[in-house]
């Protein structure tokens, strides 16, 4: 499975670059991540719980950063073993480009699976891998920009919340 996309993050390139190297930011960005330990130089060990179709597994694996050009690009590679469920491995070539409002983060993701996971079929696996990549970069963007920027982008969500509160209040009164 291959995926090419980009995101515009409302933060200076230096901030985005520092965040991609921070294990706590990576933990916040990886869906289902329980822990991330390690360093940029030695690689990170991660524990992730995910459900792919009917298969739920706890993956333990290594994530390494390579081809590092400070402030410009890097490659994130990872491989995880999920016991009887099989394994997953993949990588992302990530580029950082300054834009007027912040940083354009462009990425090319490639992923593959084996074992029981591979038996689910390529449509399920490709859909899951795309969802994971999109969710990772969405969560990463939210972690870097902070909750204020997310609230600014989604003002239409607030009136619905207030409507819901009013409805719940009326129900309880």
N, C-alpha and C. Protein backbone atom coordinates (compact mmCIF):
# COMPACT_ATOMS: atom_id res chain seq x y z
N UNK A 1 0.83 -1.17 0.00
CA UNK A 1 0.00 0.00 0.00
C UNK A 1 0.88 1.24 0.00
N UNK A 2 0.55 2.18 -0.84
CA UNK A 2 1.29 3.45 -0.88
C UNK A 2 0.31 4.59 -0.76
N UNK A 3 0.74 5.65 -0.09
CA UNK A 3 -0.09 6.84 0.12
C UNK A 3 0.81 8.06 0.06
N UNK A 4 0.38 9.05 -0.71
CA UNK A 4 1.12 10.31 -0.80
C UNK A 4 0.14 11.43 -0.44
N UNK A 5 0.53 12.30 0.50
CA UNK A 5 -0.36 13.38 0.92
C UNK A 5 0.47 14.47 1.59
N UNK A 6 -0.20 15.54 2.01
CA UNK A 6 0.49 16.60 2.75
C UNK A 6 -0.50 17.27 3.69
N UNK A 7 0.04 17.98 4.67
CA UNK A 7 -0.77 18.73 5.64
C UNK A 7 -0.10 20.07 5.89
N UNK A 8 -0.91 21.09 6.04
CA UNK A 8 -0.39 22.41 6.39
C UNK A 8 -0.59 22.59 7.89
N UNK A 9 0.53 22.75 8.60
CA UNK A 9 0.49 22.88 10.06
C UNK A 9 0.79 24.32 10.43
N UNK A 10 -0.04 24.89 11.28
CA UNK A 10 0.10 26.29 11.69
C UNK A 10 1.12 26.41 12.81
N UNK A 11 2.37 26.14 12.46
CA UNK A 11 3.48 26.26 13.41
C UNK A 11 4.75 26.42 12.57
N UNK A 12 5.76 27.12 13.11
CA UNK A 12 7.00 27.30 12.36
C UNK A 12 7.70 25.95 12.13
N UNK A 13 8.46 25.84 11.03
CA UNK A 13 9.16 24.58 10.72
C UNK A 13 10.00 24.04 11.87
N UNK A 14 10.65 24.94 12.64
CA UNK A 14 11.49 24.48 13.76
C UNK A 14 10.65 23.73 14.80
N UNK A 15 9.44 24.22 15.06
CA UNK A 15 8.56 23.60 16.04
C UNK A 15 8.09 22.23 15.54
N UNK A 16 7.71 22.17 14.27
CA UNK A 16 7.24 20.91 13.69
C UNK A 16 8.39 19.89 13.67
N UNK A 17 9.59 20.36 13.32
CA UNK A 17 10.75 19.46 13.29
C UNK A 17 11.04 18.90 14.68
N UNK A 18 11.03 19.76 15.70
CA UNK A 18 11.29 19.31 17.07
C UNK A 18 10.23 18.30 17.51
N UNK A 19 8.98 18.52 17.10
CA UNK A 19 7.89 17.64 17.51
C UNK A 19 8.03 16.24 16.91
N UNK A 20 8.47 16.15 15.65
CA UNK A 20 8.57 14.83 15.01
C UNK A 20 9.69 13.99 15.64
N UNK A 21 10.61 14.65 16.33
CA UNK A 21 11.71 13.94 17.00
C UNK A 21 11.41 13.62 18.46
N UNK A 22 10.28 14.10 18.98
CA UNK A 22 9.92 13.96 20.39
C UNK A 22 9.09 12.69 20.62
N UNK A 23 9.58 11.75 21.46
CA UNK A 23 8.84 10.51 21.67
C UNK A 23 7.44 10.72 22.25
N UNK A 24 7.24 11.75 23.07
CA UNK A 24 5.91 12.01 23.62
C UNK A 24 4.94 12.47 22.52
N UNK A 25 5.43 13.26 21.59
CA UNK A 25 4.59 13.69 20.47
C UNK A 25 4.25 12.51 19.58
N UNK A 26 5.23 11.63 19.36
CA UNK A 26 4.97 10.44 18.54
C UNK A 26 3.94 9.55 19.22
N UNK A 27 4.05 9.39 20.53
CA UNK A 27 3.08 8.58 21.27
C UNK A 27 1.68 9.18 21.12
N UNK A 28 1.58 10.50 21.22
CA UNK A 28 0.27 11.16 21.09
C UNK A 28 -0.29 11.00 19.68
N UNK A 29 0.57 10.90 18.68
CA UNK A 29 0.12 10.85 17.30
C UNK A 29 -0.24 9.44 16.82
N UNK A 30 0.37 8.42 17.38
CA UNK A 30 0.12 7.05 16.92
C UNK A 30 -1.17 6.53 17.54
N UNK A 31 -2.18 6.23 16.72
CA UNK A 31 -3.44 5.70 17.26
C UNK A 31 -3.21 4.37 17.98
N UNK A 32 -3.74 4.24 19.19
CA UNK A 32 -3.62 3.01 19.95
C UNK A 32 -2.27 2.80 20.63
N UNK A 33 -1.43 3.83 20.63
CA UNK A 33 -0.09 3.69 21.20
C UNK A 33 -0.16 3.70 22.72
N UNK A 34 0.43 2.67 23.34
CA UNK A 34 0.47 2.58 24.79
C UNK A 34 1.77 3.13 25.36
N UNK A 35 2.88 2.97 24.63
CA UNK A 35 4.14 3.50 25.12
C UNK A 35 5.14 3.68 23.99
N UNK A 36 6.03 4.64 24.18
CA UNK A 36 7.16 4.87 23.27
C UNK A 36 8.36 5.18 24.15
N UNK A 37 9.42 4.41 23.96
CA UNK A 37 10.65 4.66 24.70
C UNK A 37 11.80 4.66 23.71
N UNK A 38 12.89 5.31 24.08
CA UNK A 38 14.07 5.32 23.23
C UNK A 38 14.48 6.72 22.85
N UNK A 39 15.31 6.80 21.81
CA UNK A 39 15.83 8.09 21.37
C UNK A 39 15.95 8.11 19.85
N UNK A 40 16.18 9.29 19.32
CA UNK A 40 16.35 9.45 17.87
C UNK A 40 17.54 8.62 17.39
N UNK A 41 18.65 8.66 18.13
CA UNK A 41 19.87 7.96 17.72
C UNK A 41 19.71 6.45 17.75
N UNK A 42 19.06 5.92 18.82
CA UNK A 42 18.95 4.47 19.00
C UNK A 42 17.67 3.88 18.42
N UNK A 43 16.71 4.71 18.10
CA UNK A 43 15.41 4.24 17.65
C UNK A 43 14.45 4.19 18.83
N UNK A 44 13.18 4.05 18.51
CA UNK A 44 12.14 4.03 19.53
C UNK A 44 11.51 2.65 19.56
N UNK A 45 11.20 2.19 20.77
CA UNK A 45 10.44 0.95 20.91
C UNK A 45 9.02 1.37 21.26
N UNK A 46 8.05 0.79 20.58
CA UNK A 46 6.67 1.18 20.78
C UNK A 46 5.78 -0.03 21.01
N UNK A 47 4.70 0.18 21.78
CA UNK A 47 3.67 -0.83 21.98
C UNK A 47 2.36 -0.19 21.52
N UNK A 48 1.70 -0.84 20.55
CA UNK A 48 0.48 -0.31 19.95
C UNK A 48 -0.58 -1.40 19.91
N UNK A 49 -1.80 -1.07 20.32
CA UNK A 49 -2.91 -2.00 20.23
C UNK A 49 -3.83 -1.51 19.11
N UNK A 50 -4.11 -2.39 18.16
CA UNK A 50 -4.96 -2.02 17.03
C UNK A 50 -5.90 -3.16 16.67
N UNK A 51 -7.04 -2.80 16.09
CA UNK A 51 -7.98 -3.78 15.57
C UNK A 51 -8.06 -3.56 14.07
N UNK A 52 -7.77 -4.61 13.31
CA UNK A 52 -7.84 -4.55 11.86
C UNK A 52 -8.90 -5.55 11.45
N UNK A 53 -10.05 -5.07 10.99
CA UNK A 53 -11.15 -5.98 10.69
C UNK A 53 -11.49 -6.74 11.96
N UNK A 54 -11.58 -8.07 11.88
CA UNK A 54 -11.91 -8.86 13.07
C UNK A 54 -10.70 -9.19 13.95
N UNK A 55 -9.51 -8.81 13.54
CA UNK A 55 -8.28 -9.17 14.25
C UNK A 55 -7.81 -8.01 15.12
N UNK A 56 -7.74 -8.27 16.45
CA UNK A 56 -7.20 -7.27 17.39
C UNK A 56 -5.87 -7.80 17.90
N UNK A 57 -4.87 -6.96 17.89
CA UNK A 57 -3.55 -7.42 18.31
C UNK A 57 -2.78 -6.31 19.01
N UNK A 58 -1.85 -6.74 19.85
CA UNK A 58 -0.93 -5.82 20.51
C UNK A 58 0.41 -5.98 19.78
N UNK A 59 0.83 -4.91 19.14
CA UNK A 59 2.08 -4.93 18.38
C UNK A 59 3.20 -4.33 19.21
N UNK A 60 4.32 -4.99 19.23
CA UNK A 60 5.52 -4.41 19.82
C UNK A 60 6.54 -4.31 18.71
N UNK A 61 7.22 -3.21 18.64
CA UNK A 61 8.16 -3.06 17.54
C UNK A 61 9.09 -1.88 17.70
N UNK A 62 9.90 -1.72 16.69
CA UNK A 62 10.90 -0.65 16.67
C UNK A 62 10.56 0.36 15.58
N UNK A 63 10.81 1.61 15.91
CA UNK A 63 10.66 2.70 14.96
C UNK A 63 12.02 3.39 14.87
N UNK A 64 12.52 3.55 13.66
CA UNK A 64 13.80 4.23 13.49
C UNK A 64 13.63 5.43 12.58
N UNK A 65 14.44 6.44 12.84
CA UNK A 65 14.48 7.63 12.00
C UNK A 65 15.80 7.61 11.24
N UNK A 66 15.73 7.80 9.93
CA UNK A 66 16.94 7.76 9.12
C UNK A 66 16.88 8.83 8.04
N UNK A 67 17.92 8.90 7.23
CA UNK A 67 18.01 9.90 6.15
C UNK A 67 17.66 11.29 6.66
N UNK A 68 18.15 11.62 7.85
CA UNK A 68 17.78 12.88 8.51
C UNK A 68 18.54 14.05 7.90
N UNK A 69 17.80 14.99 7.36
CA UNK A 69 18.34 16.27 6.91
C UNK A 69 17.66 17.30 7.83
N UNK A 70 18.37 17.77 8.88
CA UNK A 70 17.75 18.61 9.91
C UNK A 70 16.90 19.76 9.33
N UNK A 71 15.65 19.81 9.80
CA UNK A 71 14.73 20.86 9.40
C UNK A 71 14.10 20.66 8.03
N UNK A 72 14.54 19.65 7.27
CA UNK A 72 14.03 19.48 5.90
C UNK A 72 13.31 18.16 5.66
N UNK A 73 13.92 17.04 6.06
CA UNK A 73 13.30 15.75 5.76
C UNK A 73 13.87 14.64 6.63
N UNK A 74 13.13 13.54 6.67
CA UNK A 74 13.59 12.33 7.35
C UNK A 74 12.73 11.16 6.88
N UNK A 75 13.17 9.96 7.22
CA UNK A 75 12.41 8.76 6.93
C UNK A 75 12.10 8.08 8.25
N UNK A 76 10.82 7.76 8.46
CA UNK A 76 10.38 7.03 9.63
C UNK A 76 10.11 5.60 9.18
N UNK A 77 10.78 4.62 9.80
CA UNK A 77 10.56 3.21 9.46
C UNK A 77 10.18 2.45 10.71
N UNK A 78 9.27 1.52 10.55
CA UNK A 78 8.86 0.74 11.71
C UNK A 78 8.46 -0.67 11.33
N UNK A 79 8.61 -1.56 12.30
CA UNK A 79 8.17 -2.93 12.13
C UNK A 79 7.65 -3.41 13.46
N UNK A 80 6.45 -4.01 13.44
CA UNK A 80 5.86 -4.49 14.68
C UNK A 80 5.38 -5.92 14.53
N UNK A 81 5.51 -6.67 15.61
CA UNK A 81 5.03 -8.05 15.63
C UNK A 81 3.81 -8.11 16.53
N UNK A 82 2.76 -8.74 16.02
CA UNK A 82 1.52 -8.85 16.76
C UNK A 82 1.20 -10.27 17.16
N UNK A 83 2.22 -11.07 17.45
CA UNK A 83 2.01 -12.46 17.86
C UNK A 83 1.32 -13.25 16.75
N UNK A 84 0.28 -14.02 17.10
CA UNK A 84 -0.40 -14.85 16.10
C UNK A 84 -1.07 -14.02 15.00
N UNK A 85 -1.37 -12.74 15.27
CA UNK A 85 -2.01 -11.90 14.26
C UNK A 85 -1.10 -11.63 13.08
N UNK A 86 0.21 -11.69 13.31
CA UNK A 86 1.14 -11.44 12.21
C UNK A 86 2.03 -10.25 12.49
N UNK A 87 2.44 -9.59 11.41
CA UNK A 87 3.32 -8.45 11.57
C UNK A 87 2.89 -7.34 10.63
N UNK A 88 3.36 -6.15 10.94
CA UNK A 88 3.14 -5.00 10.08
C UNK A 88 4.46 -4.25 9.99
N UNK A 89 4.77 -3.76 8.81
CA UNK A 89 5.96 -2.93 8.68
C UNK A 89 5.70 -1.88 7.62
N UNK A 90 6.43 -0.78 7.77
CA UNK A 90 6.23 0.29 6.82
C UNK A 90 7.13 1.46 7.12
N UNK A 91 6.94 2.48 6.35
CA UNK A 91 7.75 3.66 6.53
C UNK A 91 7.10 4.87 5.89
N UNK A 92 7.63 6.03 6.23
CA UNK A 92 7.13 7.28 5.66
C UNK A 92 8.31 8.20 5.40
N UNK A 93 8.38 8.70 4.18
CA UNK A 93 9.35 9.74 3.86
C UNK A 93 8.63 11.06 4.10
N UNK A 94 9.16 11.85 5.02
CA UNK A 94 8.50 13.07 5.44
C UNK A 94 9.36 14.27 5.08
N UNK A 95 8.73 15.29 4.47
CA UNK A 95 9.43 16.52 4.10
C UNK A 95 8.74 17.71 4.76
N UNK A 96 9.54 18.70 5.15
CA UNK A 96 9.05 19.90 5.81
C UNK A 96 9.37 21.10 4.93
N UNK A 97 8.36 21.90 4.63
CA UNK A 97 8.55 23.06 3.76
C UNK A 97 7.89 24.28 4.39
N UNK A 98 8.66 25.37 4.56
CA UNK A 98 8.04 26.58 5.13
C UNK A 98 6.98 27.15 4.16
N UNK A 99 5.85 27.54 4.71
CA UNK A 99 4.79 28.21 3.94
C UNK A 99 4.40 29.46 4.73
N UNK A 100 3.68 30.40 4.13
CA UNK A 100 3.34 31.64 4.84
C UNK A 100 2.66 31.44 6.20
N UNK A 101 1.78 30.45 6.33
CA UNK A 101 1.06 30.24 7.60
C UNK A 101 1.72 29.23 8.53
N UNK A 102 2.87 28.68 8.15
CA UNK A 102 3.51 27.68 9.01
C UNK A 102 4.40 26.73 8.25
N UNK A 103 4.02 25.44 8.25
CA UNK A 103 4.85 24.40 7.66
C UNK A 103 3.99 23.44 6.86
N UNK A 104 4.41 23.13 5.65
CA UNK A 104 3.75 22.07 4.87
C UNK A 104 4.53 20.79 5.12
N UNK A 105 3.85 19.81 5.68
CA UNK A 105 4.44 18.51 5.96
C UNK A 105 3.93 17.56 4.86
N UNK A 106 4.83 17.10 3.99
CA UNK A 106 4.46 16.18 2.91
C UNK A 106 4.98 14.80 3.25
N UNK A 107 4.22 13.78 2.91
CA UNK A 107 4.66 12.44 3.26
C UNK A 107 4.27 11.41 2.20
N UNK A 108 5.13 10.40 2.09
CA UNK A 108 4.89 9.24 1.24
C UNK A 108 4.98 8.03 2.15
N UNK A 109 3.87 7.31 2.30
CA UNK A 109 3.81 6.17 3.20
C UNK A 109 3.76 4.88 2.40
N UNK A 110 4.49 3.89 2.87
CA UNK A 110 4.43 2.56 2.29
C UNK A 110 4.30 1.57 3.44
N UNK A 111 3.36 0.61 3.32
CA UNK A 111 3.13 -0.34 4.40
C UNK A 111 2.83 -1.73 3.85
N UNK A 112 3.16 -2.74 4.65
CA UNK A 112 2.82 -4.12 4.29
C UNK A 112 2.56 -4.92 5.57
N UNK A 113 1.83 -6.02 5.42
CA UNK A 113 1.51 -6.88 6.55
C UNK A 113 1.72 -8.34 6.17
N UNK A 114 1.81 -9.20 7.19
CA UNK A 114 1.94 -10.63 6.96
C UNK A 114 1.21 -11.39 8.06
N UNK A 115 1.09 -12.69 7.90
CA UNK A 115 0.40 -13.52 8.88
C UNK A 115 -1.10 -13.44 8.71
N UNK A 116 -1.86 -13.60 9.82
CA UNK A 116 -3.32 -13.56 9.76
C UNK A 116 -3.83 -12.26 9.15
N UNK A 117 -3.12 -11.17 9.44
CA UNK A 117 -3.53 -9.87 8.91
C UNK A 117 -3.57 -9.88 7.39
N UNK A 118 -2.59 -10.53 6.77
CA UNK A 118 -2.52 -10.55 5.32
C UNK A 118 -3.71 -11.32 4.72
N UNK A 119 -4.28 -12.24 5.49
CA UNK A 119 -5.40 -13.04 5.00
C UNK A 119 -6.70 -12.23 4.92
N UNK A 120 -6.73 -11.05 5.52
CA UNK A 120 -7.93 -10.22 5.49
C UNK A 120 -8.20 -9.65 4.11
N UNK A 121 -7.20 -9.61 3.28
CA UNK A 121 -7.38 -9.10 1.93
C UNK A 121 -6.86 -7.69 1.78
N UNK A 122 -6.43 -7.38 0.59
CA UNK A 122 -5.76 -6.10 0.35
C UNK A 122 -6.69 -4.91 0.51
N UNK A 123 -7.98 -5.05 0.21
CA UNK A 123 -8.89 -3.90 0.35
C UNK A 123 -9.00 -3.47 1.81
N UNK A 124 -9.15 -4.44 2.71
CA UNK A 124 -9.26 -4.11 4.14
C UNK A 124 -7.93 -3.54 4.64
N UNK A 125 -6.84 -4.19 4.28
CA UNK A 125 -5.52 -3.76 4.75
C UNK A 125 -5.18 -2.37 4.20
N UNK A 126 -5.40 -2.14 2.91
CA UNK A 126 -5.09 -0.84 2.32
C UNK A 126 -5.94 0.26 2.96
N UNK A 127 -7.22 -0.01 3.19
CA UNK A 127 -8.09 0.97 3.84
C UNK A 127 -7.63 1.28 5.25
N UNK A 128 -7.25 0.22 5.98
CA UNK A 128 -6.77 0.41 7.35
C UNK A 128 -5.47 1.20 7.37
N UNK A 129 -4.54 0.86 6.47
CA UNK A 129 -3.24 1.55 6.43
C UNK A 129 -3.43 3.02 6.09
N UNK A 130 -4.32 3.32 5.15
CA UNK A 130 -4.58 4.72 4.79
C UNK A 130 -5.19 5.45 5.99
N UNK A 131 -6.14 4.79 6.68
CA UNK A 131 -6.77 5.40 7.85
C UNK A 131 -5.72 5.67 8.93
N UNK A 132 -4.84 4.72 9.18
CA UNK A 132 -3.80 4.89 10.20
C UNK A 132 -2.86 6.05 9.86
N UNK A 133 -2.42 6.12 8.60
CA UNK A 133 -1.52 7.20 8.18
C UNK A 133 -2.22 8.55 8.32
N UNK A 134 -3.45 8.64 7.83
CA UNK A 134 -4.21 9.90 7.93
C UNK A 134 -4.40 10.29 9.39
N UNK A 135 -4.76 9.31 10.23
CA UNK A 135 -5.00 9.60 11.64
C UNK A 135 -3.70 10.00 12.34
N UNK A 136 -2.58 9.35 12.00
CA UNK A 136 -1.30 9.71 12.61
C UNK A 136 -0.99 11.18 12.32
N UNK A 137 -1.04 11.57 11.04
CA UNK A 137 -0.66 12.94 10.70
C UNK A 137 -1.70 13.96 11.18
N UNK A 138 -2.98 13.57 11.26
CA UNK A 138 -4.01 14.45 11.83
C UNK A 138 -3.74 14.69 13.31
N UNK A 139 -3.47 13.61 14.04
CA UNK A 139 -3.20 13.72 15.48
C UNK A 139 -1.89 14.48 15.72
N UNK A 140 -0.90 14.25 14.87
CA UNK A 140 0.36 14.97 14.98
C UNK A 140 0.11 16.46 14.79
N UNK A 141 -0.67 16.82 13.77
CA UNK A 141 -0.99 18.22 13.51
C UNK A 141 -1.70 18.84 14.70
N UNK A 142 -2.67 18.14 15.28
CA UNK A 142 -3.40 18.66 16.44
C UNK A 142 -2.48 18.82 17.64
N UNK A 143 -1.57 17.87 17.84
CA UNK A 143 -0.64 17.95 18.97
C UNK A 143 0.30 19.14 18.82
N UNK A 144 0.75 19.42 17.60
CA UNK A 144 1.67 20.54 17.37
C UNK A 144 0.94 21.87 17.46
N UNK A 145 -0.24 21.97 16.84
CA UNK A 145 -0.97 23.24 16.81
C UNK A 145 -1.62 23.56 18.15
N UNK A 146 -1.95 22.55 18.93
CA UNK A 146 -2.60 22.77 20.22
C UNK A 146 -4.10 22.88 20.06
N UNK A 147 -4.84 22.81 21.17
CA UNK A 147 -6.30 22.81 21.13
C UNK A 147 -6.90 24.12 20.62
N UNK A 148 -6.22 25.25 20.80
CA UNK A 148 -6.78 26.53 20.35
C UNK A 148 -6.92 26.55 18.83
N UNK A 149 -5.92 26.05 18.12
CA UNK A 149 -5.97 26.06 16.66
C UNK A 149 -7.05 25.11 16.15
N UNK A 150 -7.24 24.00 16.82
CA UNK A 150 -8.26 23.04 16.41
C UNK A 150 -9.64 23.66 16.61
N UNK A 151 -9.85 24.38 17.71
CA UNK A 151 -11.13 25.03 17.96
C UNK A 151 -11.42 26.11 16.92
N UNK A 152 -10.38 26.82 16.49
CA UNK A 152 -10.56 27.85 15.47
C UNK A 152 -10.99 27.24 14.15
N UNK A 153 -10.44 26.06 13.82
CA UNK A 153 -10.75 25.43 12.54
C UNK A 153 -12.16 24.85 12.52
N UNK A 154 -12.75 24.52 13.66
CA UNK A 154 -14.04 23.86 13.68
C UNK A 154 -15.09 24.65 14.48
N UNK A 155 -15.34 25.92 14.12
CA UNK A 155 -16.32 26.68 14.89
C UNK A 155 -17.73 26.13 14.71
N UNK A 156 -18.01 25.44 13.58
CA UNK A 156 -19.35 24.92 13.36
C UNK A 156 -19.70 23.82 14.37
N UNK A 157 -18.72 23.24 15.02
CA UNK A 157 -18.98 22.17 15.99
C UNK A 157 -19.55 22.75 17.29
N UNK A 158 -19.23 23.99 17.61
CA UNK A 158 -19.66 24.58 18.87
C UNK A 158 -21.18 24.74 18.98
N UNK A 159 -21.88 25.29 17.97
CA UNK A 159 -23.32 25.44 18.12
C UNK A 159 -24.02 24.10 18.36
N UNK A 160 -23.59 23.05 17.70
CA UNK A 160 -24.20 21.74 17.88
C UNK A 160 -24.02 21.28 19.33
N UNK A 161 -22.87 21.55 19.91
CA UNK A 161 -22.60 21.17 21.30
C UNK A 161 -23.53 21.95 22.22
N UNK A 162 -23.70 23.25 21.96
CA UNK A 162 -24.58 24.05 22.80
C UNK A 162 -26.02 23.58 22.67
N UNK A 163 -26.43 23.22 21.44
CA UNK A 163 -27.77 22.70 21.24
C UNK A 163 -27.96 21.43 22.05
N UNK A 164 -26.98 20.58 22.02
CA UNK A 164 -27.05 19.31 22.74
C UNK A 164 -27.16 19.57 24.23
N UNK A 165 -26.37 20.51 24.76
CA UNK A 165 -26.43 20.83 26.19
C UNK A 165 -27.84 21.29 26.56
N UNK A 166 -28.42 22.15 25.74
CA UNK A 166 -29.77 22.64 26.01
C UNK A 166 -30.77 21.52 26.02
N UNK A 167 -30.64 20.58 25.11
CA UNK A 167 -31.54 19.44 25.02
C UNK A 167 -31.40 18.55 26.26
N UNK A 168 -30.17 18.32 26.68
CA UNK A 168 -29.94 17.49 27.86
C UNK A 168 -30.48 18.19 29.11
N UNK A 169 -30.26 19.51 29.22
CA UNK A 169 -30.77 20.28 30.36
C UNK A 169 -32.29 20.17 30.44
N UNK A 170 -32.96 20.33 29.30
CA UNK A 170 -34.43 20.24 29.28
C UNK A 170 -34.88 18.85 29.71
N UNK A 171 -34.14 17.83 29.30
CA UNK A 171 -34.50 16.47 29.63
C UNK A 171 -34.39 16.24 31.13
N UNK A 172 -33.36 16.78 31.75
CA UNK A 172 -33.12 16.58 33.17
C UNK A 172 -33.97 17.48 34.06
N UNK A 173 -34.52 18.55 33.52
CA UNK A 173 -35.31 19.49 34.33
C UNK A 173 -36.67 18.95 34.65
